């Protein structure tokens, strides 16, 4: 059976342009409310004041997220230090100075689904705002290792988005099994997938897959018909293959 997919960020205006009808599965389903500001690296990426994707701070002025969260034209803003999106101070909102999707990003297949956002100003680190570490090198994490995901996306497949930051613990799947489940849509070298009782849903795209205190993946896609599907697991862009690309951009800041 052909698997029909859709990026987790469902942009209705773009649907006629997509080759695939995509899987829209990646607040958090079967999760819990995060302790306020316990994940100070989390950001809400918004369009016209509406949350559309997650992301995470990796420095004072750079956010890492999924490339499919931006269509190449729209103007996005980044909210830092938030827990309840109904209560956002103007000082927590940053304009985006530069949109830097990976040059080999392929929207219809979600390959190289990773993007840097350079903020218009530098964030001030405090109890509510900090950046998260990235892997030091390209190394695999063992199957069934416990990771976590978080976001303000839908809490069930066709349900509402969450105003509060939600979180869930997930387990890494064997990479060969991930490839078997998703077929040609899955890249063994670029992706990783997870399973668990809780997991990501629509509008959680771009958020981090966290192992220990390190962001190891970027939420990319899942199954359209069911959030956190046991048959078609949530997929993340593996960060470690992109460390050189990320480092080159950040070192050449002007």
Protein backbone atom coordinates (compact mmCIF):
# COMPACT_ATOMS: atom_id res chain seq x y z
CA UNK A 1 0.00 0.00 0.00
CA UNK A 2 1.35 3.42 -0.93
CA UNK A 3 1.93 5.63 2.09
CA UNK A 4 0.61 9.12 1.52
CA UNK A 5 2.40 11.75 3.57
CA UNK A 6 2.23 15.40 4.56
CA UNK A 7 4.62 17.56 6.54
CA UNK A 8 3.53 18.11 10.11
CA UNK A 9 2.90 21.74 9.43
CA UNK A 10 -0.27 21.69 7.35
CA UNK A 11 -0.36 24.78 5.15
CA UNK A 12 -3.69 24.64 3.41
CA UNK A 13 -2.63 27.16 0.83
CA UNK A 14 0.21 24.91 -0.28
CA UNK A 15 -1.75 21.67 -0.63
CA UNK A 16 -2.45 22.06 -4.36
CA UNK A 17 1.31 22.35 -4.91
CA UNK A 18 2.32 19.17 -3.07
CA UNK A 19 3.17 15.99 -4.96
CA UNK A 20 2.19 13.93 -1.92
CA UNK A 21 -0.81 14.46 0.33
CA UNK A 22 1.44 14.08 3.31
CA UNK A 23 1.26 12.69 6.82
CA UNK A 24 0.39 15.42 9.28
CA UNK A 25 1.31 13.89 12.55
CA UNK A 26 4.08 15.69 14.26
CA UNK A 27 0.38 19.68 21.46
CA UNK A 28 1.68 16.39 22.19
CA UNK A 29 -0.70 13.44 22.42
CA UNK A 30 -0.97 11.40 25.63
CA UNK A 31 1.51 13.77 27.24
CA UNK A 32 1.51 15.99 30.28
CA UNK A 33 1.95 19.67 30.96
CA UNK A 34 5.62 20.52 31.26
CA UNK A 35 6.77 22.20 34.45
CA UNK A 36 6.73 25.91 33.53
CA UNK A 37 10.08 27.00 32.04
CA UNK A 38 11.69 23.60 32.63
CA UNK A 39 12.56 23.60 28.92
CA UNK A 40 13.91 27.15 28.54
CA UNK A 41 15.26 26.38 25.06
CA UNK A 42 11.78 25.87 23.58
CA UNK A 43 10.40 28.52 21.24
CA UNK A 44 7.07 29.02 19.53
CA UNK A 45 7.36 29.92 15.85
CA UNK A 46 4.38 32.03 14.85
CA UNK A 47 2.73 33.54 11.80
CA UNK A 48 0.56 36.59 12.44
CA UNK A 49 0.52 35.75 16.14
CA UNK A 50 -0.58 32.13 15.64
CA UNK A 51 1.62 29.20 16.65
CA UNK A 52 2.55 27.07 13.64
CA UNK A 53 5.75 25.25 14.66
CA UNK A 54 8.15 24.58 17.47
CA UNK A 55 11.85 25.27 17.53
CA UNK A 56 14.72 25.54 20.00
CA UNK A 57 17.46 27.98 20.87
CA UNK A 58 21.00 26.80 20.16
CA UNK A 59 22.70 30.17 20.83
CA UNK A 60 21.85 33.77 21.70
CA UNK A 61 20.65 34.48 18.20
CA UNK A 62 19.99 31.16 16.44
CA UNK A 63 16.98 28.86 16.52
CA UNK A 64 16.97 25.39 14.99
CA UNK A 65 13.70 24.12 13.50
CA UNK A 66 12.29 22.17 10.54
CA UNK A 67 12.72 23.59 7.04
CA UNK A 68 9.11 22.82 6.12
CA UNK A 69 7.95 25.34 8.74
CA UNK A 70 8.68 28.16 6.28
CA UNK A 71 7.30 28.39 2.73
CA UNK A 72 9.99 30.78 1.52
CA UNK A 73 7.80 33.88 1.57
CA UNK A 74 5.88 34.30 4.82
CA UNK A 75 7.15 36.42 7.72
CA UNK A 76 7.58 34.50 10.95
CA UNK A 77 8.23 35.61 14.52
CA UNK A 78 9.83 33.66 17.36
CA UNK A 79 8.55 33.64 20.94
CA UNK A 80 11.10 32.71 23.61
CA UNK A 81 10.65 31.99 27.31
CA UNK A 82 6.98 31.03 27.00
CA UNK A 83 4.94 28.39 28.77
CA UNK A 84 1.36 29.59 28.30
CA UNK A 85 1.00 31.14 24.83
CA UNK A 86 -1.93 33.21 26.08
CA UNK A 87 0.50 35.20 28.22
CA UNK A 88 3.33 36.53 26.08
CA UNK A 89 5.26 39.70 26.82
CA UNK A 90 6.33 41.86 23.90
CA UNK A 91 9.95 41.47 25.01
CA UNK A 92 9.69 37.72 24.41
CA UNK A 93 8.91 38.12 20.71
CA UNK A 94 11.71 38.35 18.14
CA UNK A 95 11.61 39.07 14.43
CA UNK A 96 13.61 36.79 12.16
CA UNK A 97 16.62 38.41 10.51
CA UNK A 98 17.61 35.45 8.29
CA UNK A 99 15.87 32.26 7.19
CA UNK A 100 18.43 29.56 6.41
CA UNK A 101 16.87 26.25 5.30
CA UNK A 102 19.28 23.50 4.35
CA UNK A 103 20.21 24.02 0.67
CA UNK A 104 19.22 20.45 -0.20
CA UNK A 105 15.86 20.48 1.56
CA UNK A 106 13.20 18.64 -0.45
CA UNK A 107 9.69 19.68 0.68
CA UNK A 108 7.78 16.83 -0.95
CA UNK A 109 9.91 14.17 0.73
CA UNK A 110 11.10 15.99 3.85
CA UNK A 111 14.75 15.17 3.14
CA UNK A 112 17.21 17.55 4.85
CA UNK A 113 14.28 18.98 6.81
CA UNK A 114 16.29 21.35 8.97
CA UNK A 115 16.55 25.15 9.12
CA UNK A 116 18.31 27.85 11.10
CA UNK A 117 16.57 31.09 12.02
CA UNK A 118 18.80 34.01 12.91
CA UNK A 119 16.97 36.34 15.26
CA UNK A 120 16.88 40.11 14.81
CA UNK A 121 18.45 40.55 18.26
CA UNK A 122 20.25 38.50 20.88
CA UNK A 123 18.26 36.81 23.63
CA UNK A 124 19.24 37.36 27.24
CA UNK A 125 19.80 34.12 29.13
CA UNK A 126 17.78 33.86 32.35
CA UNK A 127 15.72 31.30 34.26
CA UNK A 128 13.15 31.16 31.45
CA UNK A 129 15.44 31.44 28.43
CA UNK A 130 18.50 29.28 27.68
CA UNK A 131 19.88 27.41 24.71
CA UNK A 132 20.35 23.66 24.47
CA UNK A 133 23.47 21.71 23.54
CA UNK A 134 23.88 19.86 20.24
CA UNK A 135 25.72 16.55 19.79
CA UNK A 136 29.51 16.84 19.75
CA UNK A 137 29.93 14.30 16.98
CA UNK A 138 28.06 11.87 14.76
CA UNK A 139 27.29 8.95 17.03
CA UNK A 140 24.28 6.70 17.23
CA UNK A 141 22.07 6.48 20.31
CA UNK A 142 21.05 2.98 21.28
CA UNK A 143 17.69 1.48 20.37
CA UNK A 144 15.05 2.00 23.10
CA UNK A 145 16.99 4.91 24.64
CA UNK A 146 14.59 7.25 26.45
CA UNK A 147 14.17 10.69 24.86
CA UNK A 148 11.60 13.45 25.22
CA UNK A 149 9.57 15.71 22.95
CA UNK A 150 7.62 18.88 23.72
CA UNK A 151 5.39 21.38 21.97
CA UNK A 152 2.22 23.43 21.72
CA UNK A 153 0.67 21.34 18.94
CA UNK A 154 -2.49 19.30 18.86
CA UNK A 155 -3.26 16.95 21.74
CA UNK A 156 -5.14 14.49 19.53
CA UNK A 157 -5.30 13.82 15.81
CA UNK A 158 -8.13 16.25 15.00
CA UNK A 159 -8.11 18.15 18.26
CA UNK A 160 -7.15 21.70 19.28
CA UNK A 161 -3.66 23.04 19.82
CA UNK A 162 -2.46 23.43 23.39
CA UNK A 163 -1.90 26.86 24.94
CA UNK A 164 0.42 25.23 27.50
CA UNK A 165 3.73 23.56 26.70
CA UNK A 166 3.19 19.79 26.76
CA UNK A 167 5.80 17.02 26.90
CA UNK A 168 6.09 13.25 26.50
CA UNK A 169 8.78 10.61 26.81
CA UNK A 170 9.49 8.43 23.80
CA UNK A 171 11.81 5.56 22.87
CA UNK A 172 14.18 5.40 19.92
CA UNK A 173 13.33 2.69 17.42
CA UNK A 174 15.80 0.54 15.55
CA UNK A 175 16.77 2.53 12.46
CA UNK A 176 16.32 -0.43 10.13
CA UNK A 177 12.81 -0.91 11.50
CA UNK A 178 12.07 2.79 10.90
CA UNK A 179 13.16 2.37 7.30
CA UNK A 180 11.00 -0.73 6.90
CA UNK A 181 7.93 1.12 8.22
CA UNK A 182 8.35 4.22 6.02
CA UNK A 183 10.05 2.78 2.95
CA UNK A 184 11.58 5.18 0.45
CA UNK A 185 10.42 8.20 2.45
CA UNK A 186 12.93 7.36 5.17
CA UNK A 187 16.66 8.11 5.09
CA UNK A 188 18.84 5.88 7.27
CA UNK A 189 21.61 8.49 7.39
CA UNK A 190 19.46 11.59 7.94
CA UNK A 191 16.56 10.43 10.11
CA UNK A 192 15.58 8.67 13.32
CA UNK A 193 12.16 7.62 14.65
CA UNK A 194 10.51 6.92 17.99
CA UNK A 195 7.63 5.05 19.57
CA UNK A 196 5.81 5.41 22.88
CA UNK A 197 2.46 5.99 24.55
CA UNK A 198 2.82 9.73 24.04
CA UNK A 199 4.30 11.63 21.13
CA UNK A 200 4.20 14.53 18.69
CA UNK A 201 1.26 15.75 16.64
CA UNK A 202 0.38 18.49 14.14
CA UNK A 203 2.09 21.84 14.90
CA UNK A 204 4.85 20.18 16.95
CA UNK A 205 7.11 20.27 13.87
CA UNK A 206 10.53 21.81 14.44
CA UNK A 207 10.70 20.99 18.14
CA UNK A 208 13.66 19.04 19.52
CA UNK A 209 14.04 15.35 20.22
CA UNK A 210 16.03 15.52 23.45
CA UNK A 211 18.33 12.83 24.84
CA UNK A 212 19.67 13.70 28.27
CA UNK A 213 20.45 17.41 28.00
CA UNK A 214 21.18 17.35 24.27
CA UNK A 215 18.98 17.99 21.24
CA UNK A 216 19.61 15.06 18.89
CA UNK A 217 16.73 15.45 16.41
CA UNK A 218 14.27 17.91 14.88
CA UNK A 219 10.60 16.88 14.69
CA UNK A 220 9.86 16.36 11.00
CA UNK A 221 6.86 14.18 10.07
CA UNK A 222 4.46 11.41 10.98
CA UNK A 223 1.32 9.65 9.79
CA UNK A 224 -1.58 11.77 8.55
CA UNK A 225 -4.41 9.56 9.75
CA UNK A 226 -3.26 9.15 13.35
CA UNK A 227 -1.00 11.16 15.62
CA UNK A 228 1.64 8.99 17.26
CA UNK A 229 0.68 6.02 15.08
CA UNK A 230 2.04 2.66 16.32
CA UNK A 231 2.36 1.51 12.69
CA UNK A 232 4.06 4.59 11.21
CA UNK A 233 6.27 6.13 13.92
CA UNK A 234 7.14 9.81 14.25
CA UNK A 235 10.25 10.80 12.30
CA UNK A 236 12.96 13.31 13.21
CA UNK A 237 15.80 14.85 11.24
CA UNK A 238 18.99 13.60 12.87
CA UNK A 239 21.08 16.63 13.89
CA UNK A 240 24.57 15.12 13.98
CA UNK A 241 25.02 14.84 10.17
CA UNK A 242 24.39 18.60 9.95
CA UNK A 243 26.82 19.78 12.62
CA UNK A 244 29.37 21.05 10.08
CA UNK A 245 26.68 22.95 8.16
CA UNK A 246 25.33 24.50 11.38
CA UNK A 247 28.80 25.40 12.62
CA UNK A 248 29.82 27.00 9.33
CA UNK A 249 26.78 29.28 9.33
CA UNK A 250 27.14 30.32 12.96
CA UNK A 251 30.87 31.00 12.64
CA UNK A 252 30.32 33.26 9.64
CA UNK A 253 27.90 35.62 11.37
CA UNK A 254 28.26 39.20 10.14
